[in-house]
Amino acid sequence: PGAVTAHLHGLGLTVFGVDLSPGMVALARRAHPAPRFHVG
């Protein structure tokens, strides 16, 4: 659901998240709109 990705983004990194689950990616995108998330 993107918490670590969002935290790294907040620390100034260019970061993106990848998860196998489209459901998890949808939740991550909704909760953390700034970093990119991909299904993969």
PDB file of all heavy atoms in Angstrom:
ATOM      1  N   PRO A   1       0.787  -1.225   0.000  1.00  0.00           N
ATOM      2  CA  PRO A   1       0.000   0.000   0.000  1.00  0.00           C
ATOM      3  C   PRO A   1       0.827   1.287   0.000  1.00  0.00           C
ATOM      4  O   PRO A   1       0.285   2.372   0.141  1.00  0.00           O
ATOM      5  CB  PRO A   1      -0.866  -0.120   1.252  1.00  0.00           C
ATOM      6  CG  PRO A   1      -0.172  -1.090   2.128  1.00  0.00           C
ATOM      7  CD  PRO A   1       0.643  -1.993   1.235  1.00  0.00           C
ATOM      8  N   GLY A   2       2.143   1.184  -0.168  1.00  0.00           N
ATOM      9  CA  GLY A   2       2.959   2.342  -0.505  1.00  0.00           C
ATOM     10  C   GLY A   2       3.573   3.177   0.590  1.00  0.00           C
ATOM     11  O   GLY A   2       4.166   4.217   0.309  1.00  0.00           O
ATOM     12  N   ALA A   3       3.503   2.760   1.836  1.00  0.00           N
ATOM     13  CA  ALA A   3       4.009   3.597   2.925  1.00  0.00           C
ATOM     14  C   ALA A   3       5.514   3.839   2.833  1.00  0.00           C
ATOM     15  O   ALA A   3       5.974   4.970   3.025  1.00  0.00           O
ATOM     16  CB  ALA A   3       3.656   2.991   4.275  1.00  0.00           C
ATOM     17  N   VAL A   4       6.281   2.801   2.549  1.00  0.00           N
ATOM     18  CA  VAL A   4       7.738   2.974   2.468  1.00  0.00           C
ATOM     19  C   VAL A   4       8.094   3.823   1.255  1.00  0.00           C
ATOM     20  O   VAL A   4       8.933   4.717   1.335  1.00  0.00           O
ATOM     21  CB  VAL A   4       8.466   1.614   2.445  1.00  0.00           C
ATOM     22  CG1 VAL A   4       9.951   1.789   2.180  1.00  0.00           C
ATOM     23  CG2 VAL A   4       8.244   0.878   3.765  1.00  0.00           C
ATOM     24  N   THR A   5       7.430   3.574   0.127  1.00  0.00           N
ATOM     25  CA  THR A   5       7.662   4.367  -1.076  1.00  0.00           C
ATOM     26  C   THR A   5       7.396   5.846  -0.776  1.00  0.00           C
ATOM     27  O   THR A   5       8.205   6.715  -1.122  1.00  0.00           O
ATOM     28  CB  THR A   5       6.757   3.887  -2.229  1.00  0.00           C
ATOM     29  OG1 THR A   5       6.866   2.488  -2.376  1.00  0.00           O
ATOM     30  CG2 THR A   5       7.113   4.584  -3.530  1.00  0.00           C
ATOM     31  N   ALA A   6       6.272   6.124  -0.143  1.00  0.00           N
ATOM     32  CA  ALA A   6       5.917   7.511   0.180  1.00  0.00           C
ATOM     33  C   ALA A   6       6.919   8.132   1.154  1.00  0.00           C
ATOM     34  O   ALA A   6       7.285   9.306   1.022  1.00  0.00           O
ATOM     35  CB  ALA A   6       4.508   7.568   0.760  1.00  0.00           C
ATOM     36  N   HIS A   7       7.374   7.347   2.116  1.00  0.00           N
ATOM     37  CA  HIS A   7       8.351   7.849   3.078  1.00  0.00           C
ATOM     38  C   HIS A   7       9.664   8.214   2.371  1.00  0.00           C
ATOM     39  O   HIS A   7      10.233   9.280   2.621  1.00  0.00           O
ATOM     40  CB  HIS A   7       8.588   6.802   4.168  1.00  0.00           C
ATOM     41  CG  HIS A   7       9.491   7.257   5.274  1.00  0.00           C
ATOM     42  ND1 HIS A   7       9.168   8.287   6.130  1.00  0.00           N
ATOM     43  CD2 HIS A   7      10.725   6.827   5.643  1.00  0.00           C
ATOM     44  CE1 HIS A   7      10.158   8.471   6.994  1.00  0.00           C
ATOM     45  NE2 HIS A   7      11.112   7.596   6.721  1.00  0.00           N
ATOM     46  N   LEU A   8      10.119   7.333   1.485  1.00  0.00           N
ATOM     47  CA  LEU A   8      11.348   7.625   0.721  1.00  0.00           C
ATOM     48  C   LEU A   8      11.157   8.856  -0.157  1.00  0.00           C
ATOM     49  O   LEU A   8      12.057   9.686  -0.285  1.00  0.00           O
ATOM     50  CB  LEU A   8      11.747   6.415  -0.118  1.00  0.00           C
ATOM     51  CG  LEU A   8      12.246   5.209   0.672  1.00  0.00           C
ATOM     52  CD1 LEU A   8      12.357   3.979  -0.229  1.00  0.00           C
ATOM     53  CD2 LEU A   8      13.571   5.505   1.354  1.00  0.00           C
ATOM     54  N   HIS A   9       9.976   8.995  -0.743  1.00  0.00           N
ATOM     55  CA  HIS A   9       9.682  10.185  -1.542  1.00  0.00           C
ATOM     56  C   HIS A   9       9.755  11.435  -0.656  1.00  0.00           C
ATOM     57  O   HIS A   9      10.326  12.456  -1.051  1.00  0.00           O
ATOM     58  CB  HIS A   9       8.299  10.062  -2.188  1.00  0.00           C
ATOM     59  CG  HIS A   9       7.924  11.235  -3.024  1.00  0.00           C
ATOM     60  ND1 HIS A   9       7.239  12.314  -2.531  1.00  0.00           N
ATOM     61  CD2 HIS A   9       8.169  11.503  -4.327  1.00  0.00           C
ATOM     62  CE1 HIS A   9       7.058  13.198  -3.487  1.00  0.00           C
ATOM     63  NE2 HIS A   9       7.621  12.728  -4.593  1.00  0.00           N
ATOM     64  N   GLY A  10       9.203  11.324   0.537  1.00  0.00           N
ATOM     65  CA  GLY A  10       9.249  12.449   1.478  1.00  0.00           C
ATOM     66  C   GLY A  10      10.660  12.807   1.911  1.00  0.00           C
ATOM     67  O   GLY A  10      10.921  13.947   2.314  1.00  0.00           O
ATOM     68  N   LEU A  11      11.578  11.839   1.824  1.00  0.00           N
ATOM     69  CA  LEU A  11      12.983  12.102   2.150  1.00  0.00           C
ATOM     70  C   LEU A  11      13.746  12.684   0.950  1.00  0.00           C
ATOM     71  O   LEU A  11      14.958  12.863   1.015  1.00  0.00           O
ATOM     72  CB  LEU A  11      13.660  10.813   2.633  1.00  0.00           C
ATOM     73  CG  LEU A  11      13.142  10.265   3.962  1.00  0.00           C
ATOM     74  CD1 LEU A  11      13.770   8.900   4.261  1.00  0.00           C
ATOM     75  CD2 LEU A  11      13.409  11.240   5.095  1.00  0.00           C
ATOM     76  N   GLY A  12      13.019  12.931  -0.141  1.00  0.00           N
ATOM     77  CA  GLY A  12      13.620  13.597  -1.295  1.00  0.00           C
ATOM     78  C   GLY A  12      14.099  12.694  -2.409  1.00  0.00           C
ATOM     79  O   GLY A  12      14.728  13.169  -3.359  1.00  0.00           O
ATOM     80  N   LEU A  13      13.819  11.405  -2.339  1.00  0.00           N
ATOM     81  CA  LEU A  13      14.275  10.500  -3.386  1.00  0.00           C
ATOM     82  C   LEU A  13      13.275  10.435  -4.536  1.00  0.00           C
ATOM     83  O   LEU A  13      12.072  10.594  -4.331  1.00  0.00           O
ATOM     84  CB  LEU A  13      14.470   9.088  -2.832  1.00  0.00           C
ATOM     85  CG  LEU A  13      15.546   8.928  -1.765  1.00  0.00           C
ATOM     86  CD1 LEU A  13      15.592   7.499  -1.273  1.00  0.00           C
ATOM     87  CD2 LEU A  13      16.901   9.341  -2.303  1.00  0.00           C
ATOM     88  N   THR A  14      13.785  10.197  -5.716  1.00  0.00           N
ATOM     89  CA  THR A  14      12.937   9.874  -6.854  1.00  0.00           C
ATOM     90  C   THR A  14      12.680   8.381  -6.744  1.00  0.00           C
ATOM     91  O   THR A  14      13.566   7.567  -6.995  1.00  0.00           O
ATOM     92  CB  THR A  14      13.657  10.195  -8.187  1.00  0.00           C
ATOM     93  OG1 THR A  14      14.014  11.570  -8.184  1.00  0.00           O
ATOM     94  CG2 THR A  14      12.771   9.878  -9.368  1.00  0.00           C
ATOM     95  N   VAL A  15      11.499   8.019  -6.306  1.00  0.00           N
ATOM     96  CA  VAL A  15      11.198   6.626  -5.975  1.00  0.00           C
ATOM     97  C   VAL A  15       9.888   6.215  -6.636  1.00  0.00           C
ATOM     98  O   VAL A  15       9.003   7.042  -6.840  1.00  0.00           O
ATOM     99  CB  VAL A  15      11.138   6.432  -4.434  1.00  0.00           C
ATOM    100  CG1 VAL A  15      10.052   7.265  -3.812  1.00  0.00           C
ATOM    101  CG2 VAL A  15      10.988   4.973  -4.053  1.00  0.00           C
ATOM    102  N   PHE A  16       9.816   4.951  -6.986  1.00  0.00           N
ATOM    103  CA  PHE A  16       8.559   4.405  -7.476  1.00  0.00           C
ATOM    104  C   PHE A  16       8.342   3.042  -6.835  1.00  0.00           C
ATOM    105  O   PHE A  16       9.292   2.352  -6.476  1.00  0.00           O
ATOM    106  CB  PHE A  16       8.540   4.311  -9.007  1.00  0.00           C
ATOM    107  CG  PHE A  16       9.567   3.393  -9.593  1.00  0.00           C
ATOM    108  CD1 PHE A  16       9.263   2.074  -9.895  1.00  0.00           C
ATOM    109  CD2 PHE A  16      10.850   3.857  -9.850  1.00  0.00           C
ATOM    110  CE1 PHE A  16      10.222   1.233 -10.441  1.00  0.00           C
ATOM    111  CE2 PHE A  16      11.818   3.024 -10.396  1.00  0.00           C
ATOM    112  CZ  PHE A  16      11.498   1.710 -10.693  1.00  0.00           C
ATOM    113  N   GLY A  17       7.065   2.687  -6.681  1.00  0.00           N
ATOM    114  CA  GLY A  17       6.716   1.405  -6.090  1.00  0.00           C
ATOM    115  C   GLY A  17       6.224   0.443  -7.150  1.00  0.00           C
ATOM    116  O   GLY A  17       5.582   0.850  -8.119  1.00  0.00           O
ATOM    117  N   VAL A  18       6.536  -0.830  -6.948  1.00  0.00           N
ATOM    118  CA  VAL A  18       6.076  -1.896  -7.840  1.00  0.00           C
ATOM    119  C   VAL A  18       5.470  -2.984  -6.968  1.00  0.00           C
ATOM    120  O   VAL A  18       6.105  -3.433  -6.007  1.00  0.00           O
ATOM    121  CB  VAL A  18       7.245  -2.482  -8.669  1.00  0.00           C
ATOM    122  CG1 VAL A  18       6.752  -3.627  -9.550  1.00  0.00           C
ATOM    123  CG2 VAL A  18       7.927  -1.408  -9.496  1.00  0.00           C
ATOM    124  N   ASP A  19       4.246  -3.384  -7.294  1.00  0.00           N
ATOM    125  CA  ASP A  19       3.615  -4.466  -6.565  1.00  0.00           C
ATOM    126  C   ASP A  19       2.838  -5.338  -7.546  1.00  0.00           C
ATOM    127  O   ASP A  19       2.319  -4.853  -8.550  1.00  0.00           O
ATOM    128  CB  ASP A  19       2.677  -3.940  -5.483  1.00  0.00           C
ATOM    129  CG  ASP A  19       2.394  -4.995  -4.425  1.00  0.00           C
ATOM    130  OD1 ASP A  19       1.479  -5.818  -4.629  1.00  0.00           O
ATOM    131  OD2 ASP A  19       3.123  -5.016  -3.417  1.00  0.00           O
ATOM    132  N   LEU A  20       2.766  -6.605  -7.254  1.00  0.00           N
ATOM    133  CA  LEU A  20       2.074  -7.577  -8.088  1.00  0.00           C
ATOM    134  C   LEU A  20       0.561  -7.355  -8.080  1.00  0.00           C
ATOM    135  O   LEU A  20      -0.126  -7.649  -9.045  1.00  0.00           O
ATOM    136  CB  LEU A  20       2.409  -8.990  -7.586  1.00  0.00           C
ATOM    137  CG  LEU A  20       1.867 -10.170  -8.360  1.00  0.00           C
ATOM    138  CD1 LEU A  20       2.458 -10.196  -9.770  1.00  0.00           C
ATOM    139  CD2 LEU A  20       2.219 -11.463  -7.633  1.00  0.00           C
ATOM    140  N   SER A  21       0.046  -6.802  -6.993  1.00  0.00           N
ATOM    141  CA  SER A  21      -1.392  -6.673  -6.786  1.00  0.00           C
ATOM    142  C   SER A  21      -1.942  -5.339  -7.280  1.00  0.00           C
ATOM    143  O   SER A  21      -1.598  -4.283  -6.725  1.00  0.00           O
ATOM    144  CB  SER A  21      -1.695  -6.817  -5.289  1.00  0.00           C
ATOM    145  OG  SER A  21      -2.979  -6.355  -4.977  1.00  0.00           O
ATOM    146  N   PRO A  22      -2.825  -5.345  -8.288  1.00  0.00           N
ATOM    147  CA  PRO A  22      -3.466  -4.096  -8.702  1.00  0.00           C
ATOM    148  C   PRO A  22      -4.249  -3.444  -7.561  1.00  0.00           C
ATOM    149  O   PRO A  22      -4.319  -2.218  -7.473  1.00  0.00           O
ATOM    150  CB  PRO A  22      -4.405  -4.519  -9.834  1.00  0.00           C
ATOM    151  CG  PRO A  22      -3.804  -5.776 -10.373  1.00  0.00           C
ATOM    152  CD  PRO A  22      -3.198  -6.464  -9.166  1.00  0.00           C
ATOM    153  N   GLY A  23      -4.815  -4.266  -6.673  1.00  0.00           N
ATOM    154  CA  GLY A  23      -5.539  -3.714  -5.527  1.00  0.00           C
ATOM    155  C   GLY A  23      -4.621  -2.942  -4.594  1.00  0.00           C
ATOM    156  O   GLY A  23      -4.967  -1.851  -4.117  1.00  0.00           O
ATOM    157  N   MET A  24      -3.454  -3.487  -4.303  1.00  0.00           N
ATOM    158  CA  MET A  24      -2.481  -2.783  -3.463  1.00  0.00           C
ATOM    159  C   MET A  24      -2.007  -1.503  -4.152  1.00  0.00           C
ATOM    160  O   MET A  24      -1.883  -0.456  -3.509  1.00  0.00           O
ATOM    161  CB  MET A  24      -1.278  -3.679  -3.150  1.00  0.00           C
ATOM    162  CG  MET A  24      -1.570  -4.800  -2.201  1.00  0.00           C
ATOM    163  SD  MET A  24      -1.798  -4.207  -0.508  1.00  0.00           S
ATOM    164  CE  MET A  24      -1.743  -5.766   0.372  1.00  0.00           C
ATOM    165  N   VAL A  25      -1.752  -1.575  -5.444  1.00  0.00           N
ATOM    166  CA  VAL A  25      -1.293  -0.392  -6.187  1.00  0.00           C
ATOM    167  C   VAL A  25      -2.374   0.693  -6.174  1.00  0.00           C
ATOM    168  O   VAL A  25      -2.077   1.876  -5.976  1.00  0.00           O
ATOM    169  CB  VAL A  25      -0.867  -0.772  -7.614  1.00  0.00           C
ATOM    170  CG1 VAL A  25      -0.652   0.468  -8.474  1.00  0.00           C
ATOM    171  CG2 VAL A  25       0.407  -1.618  -7.579  1.00  0.00           C
ATOM    172  N   ALA A  26      -3.639   0.310  -6.336  1.00  0.00           N
ATOM    173  CA  ALA A  26      -4.722   1.294  -6.295  1.00  0.00           C
ATOM    174  C   ALA A  26      -4.782   1.986  -4.935  1.00  0.00           C
ATOM    175  O   ALA A  26      -4.939   3.214  -4.852  1.00  0.00           O
ATOM    176  CB  ALA A  26      -6.058   0.620  -6.620  1.00  0.00           C
ATOM    177  N   LEU A  27      -4.645   1.206  -3.858  1.00  0.00           N
ATOM    178  CA  LEU A  27      -4.637   1.793  -2.514  1.00  0.00           C
ATOM    179  C   LEU A  27      -3.433   2.709  -2.328  1.00  0.00           C
ATOM    180  O   LEU A  27      -3.550   3.789  -1.730  1.00  0.00           O
ATOM    181  CB  LEU A  27      -4.629   0.687  -1.456  1.00  0.00           C
ATOM    182  CG  LEU A  27      -5.927  -0.108  -1.326  1.00  0.00           C
ATOM    183  CD1 LEU A  27      -5.714  -1.348  -0.475  1.00  0.00           C
ATOM    184  CD2 LEU A  27      -7.041   0.759  -0.751  1.00  0.00           C
ATOM    185  N   ALA A  28      -2.286   2.304  -2.828  1.00  0.00           N
ATOM    186  CA  ALA A  28      -1.076   3.132  -2.712  1.00  0.00           C
ATOM    187  C   ALA A  28      -1.256   4.447  -3.454  1.00  0.00           C
ATOM    188  O   ALA A  28      -0.913   5.513  -2.937  1.00  0.00           O
ATOM    189  CB  ALA A  28       0.138   2.361  -3.258  1.00  0.00           C
ATOM    190  N   ARG A  29      -1.777   4.389  -4.663  1.00  0.00           N
ATOM    191  CA  ARG A  29      -1.978   5.614  -5.455  1.00  0.00           C
ATOM    192  C   ARG A  29      -2.956   6.564  -4.766  1.00  0.00           C
ATOM    193  O   ARG A  29      -2.765   7.774  -4.782  1.00  0.00           O
ATOM    194  CB  ARG A  29      -2.487   5.258  -6.846  1.00  0.00           C
ATOM    195  CG  ARG A  29      -1.429   4.649  -7.729  1.00  0.00           C
ATOM    196  CD  ARG A  29      -2.023   4.206  -9.058  1.00  0.00           C
ATOM    197  NE  ARG A  29      -0.993   3.694  -9.948  1.00  0.00           N
ATOM    198  CZ  ARG A  29      -1.235   2.894 -10.965  1.00  0.00           C
ATOM    199  NH1 ARG A  29      -2.490   2.530 -11.244  1.00  0.00           N
ATOM    200  NH2 ARG A  29      -0.242   2.470 -11.721  1.00  0.00           N
ATOM    201  N   ARG A  30      -4.006   5.996  -4.173  1.00  0.00           N
ATOM    202  CA  ARG A  30      -5.007   6.835  -3.500  1.00  0.00           C
ATOM    203  C   ARG A  30      -4.422   7.477  -2.244  1.00  0.00           C
ATOM    204  O   ARG A  30      -4.605   8.657  -1.986  1.00  0.00           O
ATOM    205  CB  ARG A  30      -6.237   5.983  -3.165  1.00  0.00           C
ATOM    206  CG  ARG A  30      -7.400   6.791  -2.661  1.00  0.00           C
ATOM    207  CD  ARG A  30      -8.713   6.020  -2.541  1.00  0.00           C
ATOM    208  NE  ARG A  30      -8.615   4.615  -2.219  1.00  0.00           N
ATOM    209  CZ  ARG A  30      -8.933   3.624  -3.060  1.00  0.00           C
ATOM    210  NH1 ARG A  30      -9.357   3.880  -4.274  1.00  0.00           N
ATOM    211  NH2 ARG A  30      -8.831   2.364  -2.667  1.00  0.00           N
ATOM    212  N   ALA A  31      -3.667   6.709  -1.457  1.00  0.00           N
ATOM    213  CA  ALA A  31      -3.118   7.228  -0.200  1.00  0.00           C
ATOM    214  C   ALA A  31      -1.897   8.114  -0.407  1.00  0.00           C
ATOM    215  O   ALA A  31      -1.640   9.004   0.403  1.00  0.00           O
ATOM    216  CB  ALA A  31      -2.752   6.058   0.723  1.00  0.00           C
ATOM    217  N   HIS A  32      -1.148   7.870  -1.485  1.00  0.00           N
ATOM    218  CA  HIS A  32       0.125   8.571  -1.705  1.00  0.00           C
ATOM    219  C   HIS A  32       0.208   9.019  -3.172  1.00  0.00           C
ATOM    220  O   HIS A  32       0.843   8.354  -3.995  1.00  0.00           O
ATOM    221  CB  HIS A  32       1.309   7.658  -1.368  1.00  0.00           C
ATOM    222  CG  HIS A  32       1.164   6.948  -0.055  1.00  0.00           C
ATOM    223  ND1 HIS A  32       1.284   7.584   1.164  1.00  0.00           N
ATOM    224  CD2 HIS A  32       0.888   5.649   0.232  1.00  0.00           C
ATOM    225  CE1 HIS A  32       1.098   6.714   2.132  1.00  0.00           C
ATOM    226  NE2 HIS A  32       0.856   5.536   1.603  1.00  0.00           N
ATOM    227  N   PRO A  33      -0.432  10.142  -3.514  1.00  0.00           N
ATOM    228  CA  PRO A  33      -0.488  10.528  -4.925  1.00  0.00           C
ATOM    229  C   PRO A  33       0.830  11.022  -5.527  1.00  0.00           C
ATOM    230  O   PRO A  33       0.979  11.019  -6.752  1.00  0.00           O
ATOM    231  CB  PRO A  33      -1.543  11.641  -4.949  1.00  0.00           C
ATOM    232  CG  PRO A  33      -1.651  12.126  -3.547  1.00  0.00           C
ATOM    233  CD  PRO A  33      -1.230  10.996  -2.655  1.00  0.00           C
ATOM    234  N   ALA A  34       1.803  11.391  -4.719  1.00  0.00           N
ATOM    235  CA  ALA A  34       3.036  11.965  -5.287  1.00  0.00           C
ATOM    236  C   ALA A  34       3.957  10.932  -5.939  1.00  0.00           C
ATOM    237  O   ALA A  34       4.345  11.105  -7.089  1.00  0.00           O
ATOM    238  CB  ALA A  34       3.784  12.783  -4.239  1.00  0.00           C
ATOM    239  N   PRO A  35       4.335   9.854  -5.272  1.00  0.00           N
ATOM    240  CA  PRO A  35       5.213   8.891  -5.965  1.00  0.00           C
ATOM    241  C   PRO A  35       4.416   8.071  -6.979  1.00  0.00           C
ATOM    242  O   PRO A  35       3.195   7.957  -6.895  1.00  0.00           O
ATOM    243  CB  PRO A  35       5.757   8.004  -4.846  1.00  0.00           C
ATOM    244  CG  PRO A  35       4.882   8.218  -3.675  1.00  0.00           C
ATOM    245  CD  PRO A  35       4.157   9.513  -3.865  1.00  0.00           C
ATOM    246  N   ARG A  36       5.143   7.491  -7.928  1.00  0.00           N
ATOM    247  CA  ARG A  36       4.513   6.628  -8.929  1.00  0.00           C
ATOM    248  C   ARG A  36       4.439   5.198  -8.393  1.00  0.00           C
ATOM    249  O   ARG A  36       5.345   4.748  -7.694  1.00  0.00           O
ATOM    250  CB  ARG A  36       5.327   6.616 -10.231  1.00  0.00           C
ATOM    251  CG  ARG A  36       5.357   7.953 -10.925  1.00  0.00           C
ATOM    252  CD  ARG A  36       6.279   7.921 -12.139  1.00  0.00           C
ATOM    253  NE  ARG A  36       7.655   7.622 -11.709  1.00  0.00           N
ATOM    254  CZ  ARG A  36       8.475   6.773 -12.318  1.00  0.00           C
ATOM    255  NH1 ARG A  36       8.105   6.129 -13.391  1.00  0.00           N
ATOM    256  NH2 ARG A  36       9.693   6.562 -11.861  1.00  0.00           N
ATOM    257  N   PHE A  37       3.370   4.503  -8.758  1.00  0.00           N
ATOM    258  CA  PHE A  37       3.194   3.093  -8.403  1.00  0.00           C
ATOM    259  C   PHE A  37       2.805   2.330  -9.656  1.00  0.00           C
ATOM    260  O   PHE A  37       2.003   2.811 -10.460  1.00  0.00           O
ATOM    261  CB  PHE A  37       2.112   2.924  -7.326  1.00  0.00           C
ATOM    262  CG  PHE A  37       2.508   3.495  -6.005  1.00  0.00           C
ATOM    263  CD1 PHE A  37       2.161   4.790  -5.664  1.00  0.00           C
ATOM    264  CD2 PHE A  37       3.251   2.744  -5.104  1.00  0.00           C
ATOM    265  CE1 PHE A  37       2.547   5.330  -4.444  1.00  0.00           C
ATOM    266  CE2 PHE A  37       3.629   3.277  -3.880  1.00  0.00           C
ATOM    267  CZ  PHE A  37       3.284   4.573  -3.550  1.00  0.00           C
ATOM    268  N   HIS A  38       3.377   1.149  -9.824  1.00  0.00           N
ATOM    269  CA  HIS A  38       3.133   0.329 -11.003  1.00  0.00           C
ATOM    270  C   HIS A  38       2.775  -1.088 -10.581  1.00  0.00           C
ATOM    271  O   HIS A  38       3.301  -1.599  -9.592  1.00  0.00           O
ATOM    272  CB  HIS A  38       4.390   0.254 -11.881  1.00  0.00           C
ATOM    273  CG  HIS A  38       4.936   1.592 -12.249  1.00  0.00           C
ATOM    274  ND1 HIS A  38       4.404   2.355 -13.252  1.00  0.00           N
ATOM    275  CD2 HIS A  38       5.954   2.304 -11.725  1.00  0.00           C
ATOM    276  CE1 HIS A  38       5.086   3.487 -13.342  1.00  0.00           C
ATOM    277  NE2 HIS A  38       6.026   3.486 -12.426  1.00  0.00           N
ATOM    278  N   VAL A  39       1.913  -1.712 -11.372  1.00  0.00           N
ATOM    279  CA  VAL A  39       1.641  -3.133 -11.202  1.00  0.00           C
ATOM    280  C   VAL A  39       2.744  -3.876 -11.941  1.00  0.00           C
ATOM    281  O   VAL A  39       3.017  -3.603 -13.112  1.00  0.00           O
ATOM    282  CB  VAL A  39       0.258  -3.515 -11.770  1.00  0.00           C
ATOM    283  CG1 VAL A  39       0.040  -5.021 -11.684  1.00  0.00           C
ATOM    284  CG2 VAL A  39      -0.843  -2.765 -11.035  1.00  0.00           C
ATOM    285  N   GLY A  40       3.412  -4.764 -11.236  1.00  0.00           N
ATOM    286  CA  GLY A  40       4.493  -5.520 -11.850  1.00  0.00           C
ATOM    287  C   GLY A  40       4.947  -6.619 -10.916  1.00  0.00           C
ATOM    288  O   GLY A  40       4.455  -6.747  -9.796  1.00  0.00           O
TER     289      GLY A  40
END
